């Protein structure tokens, strides 16, 4: 585990912690945490539960990203990969695992960015009166996230088709 591989996650973790620290004292004890398609609150939680979940997700994603390099040390690791036997053959395994590790790290990074953006929207919505989520921004962010996932899947299947 090298610092140059996990520093983006540490930066996002620090940003997430700062986000939580700044907003925590400003928010009501009971927060809106779920919104309908028009951005109106329809689910509530205590401030402590919301912040605990956010903190747990930030730490969990950072730890997963930090320990992803350990995957290459598990010789019998089973994960789905097109033409798995070919790409995990001894002569290609190291390059394949490096590509998979790098790709998953980018997806986790993207997931953390999305989480921080959504969290920001929820926190800001709870500071407004009436409590209302900007669903347009949320849907654009979610749409871009799914677009990147779809492009990544296309790239994965192209990369690992049999030559």
N, C-alpha and C. Protein backbone atom coordinates (compact mmCIF):
# COMPACT_ATOMS: atom_id res chain seq x y z
N UNK A 1 0.87 -1.18 0.00
CA UNK A 1 0.00 0.00 0.00
C UNK A 1 0.90 1.23 0.00
N UNK A 2 0.87 1.95 -1.09
CA UNK A 2 1.71 3.14 -1.19
C UNK A 2 0.85 4.39 -1.12
N UNK A 3 1.44 5.43 -0.61
CA UNK A 3 0.72 6.69 -0.44
C UNK A 3 0.25 7.27 -1.76
N UNK A 4 1.06 7.10 -2.82
CA UNK A 4 0.65 7.69 -4.11
C UNK A 4 -0.62 7.03 -4.67
N UNK A 5 -0.97 5.84 -4.21
CA UNK A 5 -2.19 5.18 -4.65
C UNK A 5 -3.41 5.60 -3.85
N UNK A 6 -3.20 5.97 -2.61
CA UNK A 6 -4.36 6.27 -1.76
C UNK A 6 -4.53 7.75 -1.45
N UNK A 7 -3.59 8.59 -1.86
CA UNK A 7 -3.72 10.02 -1.50
C UNK A 7 -5.01 10.65 -1.98
N UNK A 8 -5.55 10.32 -3.19
CA UNK A 8 -6.82 10.95 -3.57
C UNK A 8 -7.95 10.58 -2.59
N UNK A 9 -7.90 9.37 -2.06
CA UNK A 9 -8.92 8.94 -1.10
C UNK A 9 -8.75 9.64 0.23
N UNK A 10 -7.50 9.85 0.61
CA UNK A 10 -7.24 10.57 1.86
C UNK A 10 -7.70 12.02 1.75
N UNK A 11 -7.51 12.61 0.56
CA UNK A 11 -8.00 13.98 0.34
C UNK A 11 -9.52 14.02 0.43
N UNK A 12 -10.19 13.07 -0.23
CA UNK A 12 -11.65 13.02 -0.17
C UNK A 12 -12.15 12.71 1.24
N UNK A 13 -11.44 11.86 1.95
CA UNK A 13 -11.79 11.59 3.35
C UNK A 13 -11.69 12.87 4.17
N UNK A 14 -10.61 13.63 3.98
CA UNK A 14 -10.44 14.89 4.70
C UNK A 14 -11.54 15.89 4.33
N UNK A 15 -11.89 15.96 3.05
CA UNK A 15 -12.97 16.85 2.62
C UNK A 15 -14.31 16.41 3.24
N UNK A 16 -14.54 15.12 3.27
CA UNK A 16 -15.77 14.61 3.87
C UNK A 16 -15.84 14.90 5.36
N UNK A 17 -14.71 14.73 6.04
CA UNK A 17 -14.68 15.03 7.48
C UNK A 17 -14.90 16.52 7.73
N UNK A 18 -14.29 17.35 6.88
CA UNK A 18 -14.50 18.80 7.01
C UNK A 18 -15.96 19.16 6.74
N UNK A 19 -16.55 18.53 5.74
CA UNK A 19 -17.96 18.76 5.42
C UNK A 19 -18.83 18.43 6.63
N UNK A 20 -18.59 17.28 7.23
CA UNK A 20 -19.37 16.88 8.40
C UNK A 20 -19.16 17.83 9.57
N UNK A 21 -17.92 18.23 9.79
CA UNK A 21 -17.62 19.12 10.92
C UNK A 21 -18.25 20.50 10.75
N UNK A 22 -18.27 21.01 9.52
CA UNK A 22 -18.84 22.33 9.26
C UNK A 22 -20.35 22.32 9.42
N UNK A 23 -21.00 21.30 8.88
CA UNK A 23 -22.46 21.28 8.87
C UNK A 23 -23.08 20.80 10.19
N UNK A 24 -22.40 19.93 10.91
CA UNK A 24 -23.00 19.31 12.09
C UNK A 24 -23.67 20.32 13.04
N UNK A 25 -22.98 21.36 13.48
CA UNK A 25 -23.62 22.26 14.45
C UNK A 25 -24.76 23.10 13.87
N UNK A 26 -24.84 23.20 12.55
CA UNK A 26 -25.86 24.05 11.92
C UNK A 26 -27.19 23.33 11.70
N UNK A 27 -27.18 22.02 11.77
CA UNK A 27 -28.35 21.23 11.36
C UNK A 27 -29.27 20.90 12.53
N UNK A 28 -30.55 20.70 12.22
CA UNK A 28 -31.51 20.35 13.27
C UNK A 28 -31.27 18.92 13.78
N UNK A 29 -31.81 18.62 14.94
CA UNK A 29 -31.68 17.28 15.53
C UNK A 29 -32.29 16.20 14.64
N UNK A 30 -33.40 16.53 13.98
CA UNK A 30 -34.04 15.60 13.05
C UNK A 30 -33.87 16.15 11.65
N UNK A 31 -33.29 15.33 10.78
CA UNK A 31 -32.95 15.77 9.43
C UNK A 31 -33.75 15.00 8.39
N UNK A 32 -34.02 15.65 7.28
CA UNK A 32 -34.58 14.96 6.12
C UNK A 32 -33.44 14.21 5.45
N UNK A 33 -33.64 12.91 5.20
CA UNK A 33 -32.58 12.10 4.59
C UNK A 33 -33.06 11.40 3.33
N UNK A 34 -34.33 11.49 3.04
CA UNK A 34 -34.87 10.89 1.83
C UNK A 34 -35.84 11.88 1.20
N UNK A 35 -35.80 11.94 -0.12
CA UNK A 35 -36.59 12.93 -0.83
C UNK A 35 -37.30 12.26 -2.00
N UNK A 36 -38.49 12.78 -2.33
CA UNK A 36 -39.21 12.23 -3.49
C UNK A 36 -38.67 12.84 -4.78
N UNK A 37 -39.29 12.48 -5.90
CA UNK A 37 -38.80 12.94 -7.20
C UNK A 37 -38.90 14.45 -7.39
N UNK A 38 -39.69 15.12 -6.59
CA UNK A 38 -39.80 16.58 -6.68
C UNK A 38 -38.89 17.29 -5.68
N UNK A 39 -38.10 16.50 -4.93
CA UNK A 39 -37.17 17.08 -3.98
C UNK A 39 -37.76 17.35 -2.61
N UNK A 40 -38.99 16.89 -2.37
CA UNK A 40 -39.63 17.10 -1.07
C UNK A 40 -39.26 15.97 -0.11
N UNK A 41 -38.99 16.33 1.12
CA UNK A 41 -38.58 15.36 2.13
C UNK A 41 -39.71 14.38 2.43
N UNK A 42 -39.35 13.09 2.47
CA UNK A 42 -40.33 12.08 2.86
C UNK A 42 -39.72 10.98 3.73
N UNK A 43 -38.53 11.24 4.25
CA UNK A 43 -37.87 10.31 5.17
C UNK A 43 -36.97 11.10 6.09
N UNK A 44 -36.97 10.72 7.37
CA UNK A 44 -36.26 11.51 8.37
C UNK A 44 -35.35 10.62 9.20
N UNK A 45 -34.35 11.24 9.80
CA UNK A 45 -33.41 10.53 10.66
C UNK A 45 -32.84 11.52 11.66
N UNK A 46 -32.26 10.97 12.71
CA UNK A 46 -31.58 11.88 13.63
C UNK A 46 -30.27 12.34 13.00
N UNK A 47 -29.83 13.49 13.41
CA UNK A 47 -28.57 14.05 12.91
C UNK A 47 -27.42 13.09 13.20
N UNK A 48 -27.41 12.48 14.38
CA UNK A 48 -26.33 11.59 14.77
C UNK A 48 -26.27 10.35 13.89
N UNK A 49 -27.42 9.78 13.57
CA UNK A 49 -27.45 8.59 12.71
C UNK A 49 -26.95 8.95 11.31
N UNK A 50 -27.43 10.05 10.76
CA UNK A 50 -27.00 10.47 9.42
C UNK A 50 -25.48 10.66 9.39
N UNK A 51 -24.94 11.38 10.35
CA UNK A 51 -23.50 11.65 10.36
C UNK A 51 -22.69 10.38 10.61
N UNK A 52 -23.21 9.48 11.43
CA UNK A 52 -22.51 8.20 11.68
C UNK A 52 -22.43 7.38 10.40
N UNK A 53 -23.52 7.32 9.66
CA UNK A 53 -23.53 6.56 8.40
C UNK A 53 -22.57 7.20 7.41
N UNK A 54 -22.60 8.52 7.29
CA UNK A 54 -21.70 9.21 6.37
C UNK A 54 -20.24 8.93 6.73
N UNK A 55 -19.92 9.04 7.99
CA UNK A 55 -18.55 8.79 8.44
C UNK A 55 -18.15 7.35 8.15
N UNK A 56 -19.04 6.41 8.46
CA UNK A 56 -18.74 5.00 8.21
C UNK A 56 -18.49 4.72 6.74
N UNK A 57 -19.30 5.30 5.86
CA UNK A 57 -19.12 5.09 4.42
C UNK A 57 -17.80 5.69 3.93
N UNK A 58 -17.48 6.88 4.39
CA UNK A 58 -16.21 7.51 4.00
C UNK A 58 -15.02 6.65 4.41
N UNK A 59 -15.03 6.20 5.65
CA UNK A 59 -13.92 5.39 6.15
C UNK A 59 -13.86 4.04 5.42
N UNK A 60 -15.02 3.41 5.21
CA UNK A 60 -15.06 2.11 4.54
C UNK A 60 -14.52 2.21 3.11
N UNK A 61 -14.97 3.20 2.36
CA UNK A 61 -14.48 3.34 0.98
C UNK A 61 -12.98 3.65 0.94
N UNK A 62 -12.51 4.44 1.88
CA UNK A 62 -11.07 4.74 1.94
C UNK A 62 -10.27 3.48 2.25
N UNK A 63 -10.75 2.68 3.20
CA UNK A 63 -10.05 1.44 3.55
C UNK A 63 -10.05 0.44 2.41
N UNK A 64 -11.18 0.31 1.72
CA UNK A 64 -11.24 -0.60 0.57
C UNK A 64 -10.24 -0.17 -0.48
N UNK A 65 -10.19 1.12 -0.76
CA UNK A 65 -9.24 1.62 -1.76
C UNK A 65 -7.80 1.39 -1.31
N UNK A 66 -7.55 1.57 -0.02
CA UNK A 66 -6.19 1.41 0.49
C UNK A 66 -5.72 -0.04 0.43
N UNK A 67 -6.64 -0.98 0.64
CA UNK A 67 -6.24 -2.38 0.68
C UNK A 67 -6.51 -3.13 -0.62
N UNK A 68 -7.00 -2.46 -1.64
CA UNK A 68 -7.23 -3.11 -2.94
C UNK A 68 -5.97 -3.77 -3.50
N UNK A 69 -4.78 -3.20 -3.30
CA UNK A 69 -3.58 -3.87 -3.84
C UNK A 69 -3.37 -5.27 -3.30
N UNK A 70 -3.95 -5.59 -2.17
CA UNK A 70 -3.78 -6.93 -1.60
C UNK A 70 -4.47 -8.00 -2.45
N UNK A 71 -5.39 -7.58 -3.32
CA UNK A 71 -6.08 -8.56 -4.17
C UNK A 71 -5.09 -9.39 -4.98
N UNK A 72 -4.03 -8.76 -5.44
CA UNK A 72 -3.09 -9.47 -6.30
C UNK A 72 -2.33 -10.56 -5.55
N UNK A 73 -2.36 -10.53 -4.22
CA UNK A 73 -1.67 -11.55 -3.45
C UNK A 73 -2.55 -12.78 -3.19
N UNK A 74 -3.81 -12.71 -3.55
CA UNK A 74 -4.71 -13.83 -3.34
C UNK A 74 -4.79 -14.66 -4.61
N UNK A 75 -3.98 -15.69 -4.72
CA UNK A 75 -3.90 -16.43 -5.98
C UNK A 75 -5.20 -17.11 -6.38
N UNK A 76 -6.02 -17.49 -5.45
CA UNK A 76 -7.25 -18.21 -5.78
C UNK A 76 -8.49 -17.30 -5.70
N UNK A 77 -8.25 -16.01 -5.72
CA UNK A 77 -9.38 -15.09 -5.63
C UNK A 77 -10.34 -15.31 -6.80
N UNK A 78 -11.60 -15.42 -6.47
CA UNK A 78 -12.62 -15.66 -7.49
C UNK A 78 -13.40 -14.37 -7.72
N UNK A 79 -13.33 -13.83 -8.90
CA UNK A 79 -14.18 -12.72 -9.28
C UNK A 79 -14.50 -12.90 -10.76
N UNK A 80 -15.61 -12.33 -11.15
CA UNK A 80 -16.07 -12.50 -12.53
C UNK A 80 -15.26 -11.60 -13.46
N UNK A 81 -14.77 -12.22 -14.50
CA UNK A 81 -13.98 -11.52 -15.50
C UNK A 81 -14.19 -12.25 -16.81
N UNK A 82 -14.48 -11.54 -17.90
CA UNK A 82 -14.63 -12.23 -19.18
C UNK A 82 -13.36 -13.00 -19.53
N UNK A 83 -13.50 -14.21 -20.00
CA UNK A 83 -12.35 -15.05 -20.38
C UNK A 83 -11.33 -15.15 -19.24
N UNK A 84 -11.85 -15.38 -18.07
CA UNK A 84 -11.08 -15.38 -16.82
C UNK A 84 -9.82 -16.26 -16.88
N UNK A 85 -9.97 -17.49 -17.37
CA UNK A 85 -8.83 -18.42 -17.39
C UNK A 85 -7.69 -17.88 -18.24
N UNK A 86 -8.05 -17.28 -19.37
CA UNK A 86 -7.03 -16.74 -20.26
C UNK A 86 -6.31 -15.57 -19.60
N UNK A 87 -7.07 -14.61 -19.07
CA UNK A 87 -6.47 -13.38 -18.55
C UNK A 87 -5.78 -13.55 -17.21
N UNK A 88 -6.13 -14.61 -16.48
CA UNK A 88 -5.46 -14.85 -15.20
C UNK A 88 -4.41 -15.95 -15.30
N UNK A 89 -4.07 -16.33 -16.52
CA UNK A 89 -2.96 -17.27 -16.71
C UNK A 89 -1.68 -16.62 -16.19
N UNK A 90 -0.77 -17.43 -15.76
CA UNK A 90 0.44 -16.96 -15.09
C UNK A 90 1.14 -15.81 -15.83
N UNK A 91 1.23 -15.91 -17.16
CA UNK A 91 1.97 -14.90 -17.93
C UNK A 91 1.22 -13.57 -18.07
N UNK A 92 -0.11 -13.56 -17.80
CA UNK A 92 -0.90 -12.33 -17.94
C UNK A 92 -1.49 -11.85 -16.62
N UNK A 93 -1.38 -12.64 -15.59
CA UNK A 93 -2.04 -12.34 -14.32
C UNK A 93 -1.63 -10.99 -13.73
N UNK A 94 -0.36 -10.70 -13.69
CA UNK A 94 0.12 -9.46 -13.07
C UNK A 94 -0.44 -8.22 -13.78
N UNK A 95 -0.38 -8.21 -15.11
CA UNK A 95 -0.91 -7.08 -15.87
C UNK A 95 -2.42 -6.97 -15.71
N UNK A 96 -3.10 -8.11 -15.73
CA UNK A 96 -4.56 -8.13 -15.56
C UNK A 96 -4.95 -7.58 -14.20
N UNK A 97 -4.29 -8.05 -13.16
CA UNK A 97 -4.62 -7.59 -11.81
C UNK A 97 -4.32 -6.11 -11.64
N UNK A 98 -3.26 -5.62 -12.26
CA UNK A 98 -2.95 -4.19 -12.18
C UNK A 98 -4.07 -3.37 -12.83
N UNK A 99 -4.58 -3.83 -13.99
CA UNK A 99 -5.67 -3.13 -14.66
C UNK A 99 -6.93 -3.15 -13.81
N UNK A 100 -7.26 -4.32 -13.27
CA UNK A 100 -8.46 -4.45 -12.45
C UNK A 100 -8.35 -3.56 -11.20
N UNK A 101 -7.21 -3.62 -10.54
CA UNK A 101 -7.00 -2.81 -9.34
C UNK A 101 -7.13 -1.32 -9.65
N UNK A 102 -6.51 -0.87 -10.72
CA UNK A 102 -6.58 0.53 -11.11
C UNK A 102 -8.01 0.94 -11.44
N UNK A 103 -8.73 0.09 -12.14
CA UNK A 103 -10.11 0.38 -12.50
C UNK A 103 -11.01 0.46 -11.27
N UNK A 104 -10.87 -0.50 -10.38
CA UNK A 104 -11.69 -0.47 -9.17
C UNK A 104 -11.37 0.75 -8.31
N UNK A 105 -10.10 1.12 -8.26
CA UNK A 105 -9.72 2.30 -7.49
C UNK A 105 -10.41 3.55 -8.05
N UNK A 106 -10.44 3.66 -9.38
CA UNK A 106 -11.12 4.80 -10.01
C UNK A 106 -12.62 4.78 -9.73
N UNK A 107 -13.23 3.59 -9.75
CA UNK A 107 -14.65 3.50 -9.45
C UNK A 107 -14.95 3.87 -8.00
N UNK A 108 -14.10 3.45 -7.09
CA UNK A 108 -14.28 3.84 -5.69
C UNK A 108 -14.10 5.35 -5.52
N UNK A 109 -13.16 5.91 -6.23
CA UNK A 109 -12.95 7.35 -6.18
C UNK A 109 -14.19 8.08 -6.69
N UNK A 110 -14.72 7.63 -7.81
CA UNK A 110 -15.93 8.21 -8.36
C UNK A 110 -17.10 8.05 -7.38
N UNK A 111 -17.19 6.90 -6.73
CA UNK A 111 -18.27 6.67 -5.76
C UNK A 111 -18.15 7.62 -4.57
N UNK A 112 -16.93 7.85 -4.12
CA UNK A 112 -16.74 8.79 -3.00
C UNK A 112 -17.11 10.21 -3.41
N UNK A 113 -16.75 10.59 -4.63
CA UNK A 113 -17.10 11.94 -5.10
C UNK A 113 -18.62 12.08 -5.18
N UNK A 114 -19.29 11.08 -5.73
CA UNK A 114 -20.75 11.11 -5.79
C UNK A 114 -21.35 11.19 -4.39
N UNK A 115 -20.81 10.39 -3.47
CA UNK A 115 -21.32 10.41 -2.10
C UNK A 115 -21.18 11.79 -1.47
N UNK A 116 -20.04 12.44 -1.68
CA UNK A 116 -19.82 13.78 -1.12
C UNK A 116 -20.75 14.81 -1.76
N UNK A 117 -20.98 14.68 -3.07
CA UNK A 117 -21.90 15.60 -3.75
C UNK A 117 -23.33 15.43 -3.25
N UNK A 118 -23.77 14.19 -3.13
CA UNK A 118 -25.13 13.93 -2.64
C UNK A 118 -25.25 14.39 -1.19
N UNK A 119 -24.24 14.10 -0.40
CA UNK A 119 -24.25 14.53 1.00
C UNK A 119 -24.35 16.05 1.09
N UNK A 120 -23.61 16.74 0.26
CA UNK A 120 -23.66 18.21 0.24
C UNK A 120 -25.07 18.69 -0.08
N UNK A 121 -25.69 18.05 -1.06
CA UNK A 121 -27.05 18.43 -1.43
C UNK A 121 -28.04 18.19 -0.28
N UNK A 122 -27.91 17.06 0.38
CA UNK A 122 -28.80 16.74 1.51
C UNK A 122 -28.57 17.72 2.66
N UNK A 123 -27.32 18.02 2.94
CA UNK A 123 -27.02 18.94 4.04
C UNK A 123 -27.56 20.34 3.73
N UNK A 124 -27.35 20.80 2.51
CA UNK A 124 -27.88 22.12 2.13
C UNK A 124 -29.40 22.15 2.15
N UNK A 125 -30.01 21.07 1.71
CA UNK A 125 -31.48 21.01 1.72
C UNK A 125 -32.01 21.15 3.14
N UNK A 126 -31.30 20.57 4.11
CA UNK A 126 -31.74 20.64 5.50
C UNK A 126 -31.55 22.02 6.11
N UNK A 127 -30.77 22.85 5.47
CA UNK A 127 -30.60 24.23 5.96
C UNK A 127 -31.60 25.19 5.33
N UNK A 128 -32.32 24.72 4.32
CA UNK A 128 -33.28 25.60 3.66
C UNK A 128 -34.67 25.42 4.27
N UNK A 129 -35.49 26.43 4.09
CA UNK A 129 -36.88 26.37 4.55
C UNK A 129 -37.79 26.73 3.40
N UNK A 130 -38.65 25.87 2.96
CA UNK A 130 -38.83 24.50 3.45
C UNK A 130 -37.69 23.60 2.99
N UNK A 131 -37.55 22.48 3.67
CA UNK A 131 -36.50 21.52 3.31
C UNK A 131 -36.82 20.96 1.93
N UNK A 132 -35.88 21.20 1.01
CA UNK A 132 -36.10 20.75 -0.37
C UNK A 132 -34.76 20.46 -1.03
N UNK A 133 -34.68 19.30 -1.67
CA UNK A 133 -33.47 18.87 -2.36
C UNK A 133 -33.52 19.36 -3.81
N UNK A 134 -32.40 19.87 -4.31
CA UNK A 134 -32.31 20.25 -5.72
C UNK A 134 -32.18 18.96 -6.52
N UNK A 135 -33.31 18.40 -6.92
CA UNK A 135 -33.30 17.09 -7.57
C UNK A 135 -32.65 17.15 -8.95
N UNK A 136 -32.61 18.30 -9.61
CA UNK A 136 -31.97 18.40 -10.91
C UNK A 136 -30.48 18.09 -10.80
N UNK A 137 -29.82 18.74 -9.86
CA UNK A 137 -28.39 18.51 -9.66
C UNK A 137 -28.13 17.07 -9.25
N UNK A 138 -28.97 16.55 -8.39
CA UNK A 138 -28.83 15.16 -7.95
C UNK A 138 -28.95 14.20 -9.14
N UNK A 139 -29.96 14.41 -9.97
CA UNK A 139 -30.18 13.52 -11.11
C UNK A 139 -29.06 13.63 -12.15
N UNK A 140 -28.54 14.82 -12.35
CA UNK A 140 -27.41 14.99 -13.27
C UNK A 140 -26.19 14.23 -12.74
N UNK A 141 -25.89 14.38 -11.46
CA UNK A 141 -24.75 13.68 -10.86
C UNK A 141 -24.94 12.17 -10.94
N UNK A 142 -26.13 11.70 -10.63
CA UNK A 142 -26.41 10.26 -10.68
C UNK A 142 -26.34 9.75 -12.12
N UNK A 143 -26.88 10.51 -13.05
CA UNK A 143 -26.82 10.13 -14.46
C UNK A 143 -25.39 10.02 -14.97
N UNK A 144 -24.56 10.99 -14.61
CA UNK A 144 -23.15 10.95 -15.01
C UNK A 144 -22.44 9.75 -14.38
N UNK A 145 -22.77 9.46 -13.15
CA UNK A 145 -22.19 8.31 -12.46
C UNK A 145 -22.52 7.02 -13.21
N UNK A 146 -23.79 6.83 -13.55
CA UNK A 146 -24.19 5.62 -14.26
C UNK A 146 -23.62 5.58 -15.68
N UNK A 147 -23.46 6.71 -16.31
CA UNK A 147 -22.84 6.77 -17.63
C UNK A 147 -21.39 6.29 -17.54
N UNK A 148 -20.67 6.77 -16.55
CA UNK A 148 -19.27 6.35 -16.37
C UNK A 148 -19.21 4.84 -16.09
N UNK A 149 -20.13 4.33 -15.27
CA UNK A 149 -20.15 2.89 -14.98
C UNK A 149 -20.40 2.11 -16.28
N UNK A 150 -21.36 2.57 -17.11
CA UNK A 150 -21.65 1.89 -18.37
C UNK A 150 -20.43 1.91 -19.29
N UNK A 151 -19.76 3.06 -19.38
CA UNK A 151 -18.56 3.15 -20.22
C UNK A 151 -17.45 2.25 -19.68
N UNK A 152 -17.35 2.18 -18.35
CA UNK A 152 -16.35 1.30 -17.74
C UNK A 152 -16.64 -0.16 -18.08
N UNK A 153 -17.90 -0.56 -18.03
CA UNK A 153 -18.26 -1.95 -18.36
C UNK A 153 -17.94 -2.26 -19.82
N UNK A 154 -18.22 -1.33 -20.71
CA UNK A 154 -17.88 -1.52 -22.12
C UNK A 154 -16.37 -1.69 -22.26
N UNK A 155 -15.64 -0.83 -21.59
CA UNK A 155 -14.17 -0.91 -21.63
C UNK A 155 -13.67 -2.23 -21.06
N UNK A 156 -14.29 -2.69 -19.98
CA UNK A 156 -13.91 -3.96 -19.35
C UNK A 156 -14.10 -5.12 -20.34
N UNK A 157 -15.26 -5.18 -20.98
CA UNK A 157 -15.51 -6.28 -21.90
C UNK A 157 -14.64 -6.20 -23.15
N UNK A 158 -14.33 -5.00 -23.59
CA UNK A 158 -13.41 -4.86 -24.72
C UNK A 158 -11.99 -5.24 -24.33
N UNK A 159 -11.59 -4.82 -23.16
CA UNK A 159 -10.22 -5.10 -22.69
C UNK A 159 -9.98 -6.59 -22.50
N UNK A 160 -11.00 -7.30 -22.01
CA UNK A 160 -10.81 -8.69 -21.66
C UNK A 160 -11.48 -9.68 -22.61
N UNK A 161 -11.78 -9.22 -23.82
CA UNK A 161 -12.23 -10.21 -24.79
C UNK A 161 -11.01 -11.02 -25.21
N UNK A 162 -11.25 -12.17 -25.70
CA UNK A 162 -10.13 -13.03 -26.07
C UNK A 162 -9.48 -12.50 -27.35
N UNK A 163 -8.17 -12.37 -27.37
CA UNK A 163 -7.48 -11.85 -28.57
C UNK A 163 -7.57 -12.82 -29.75
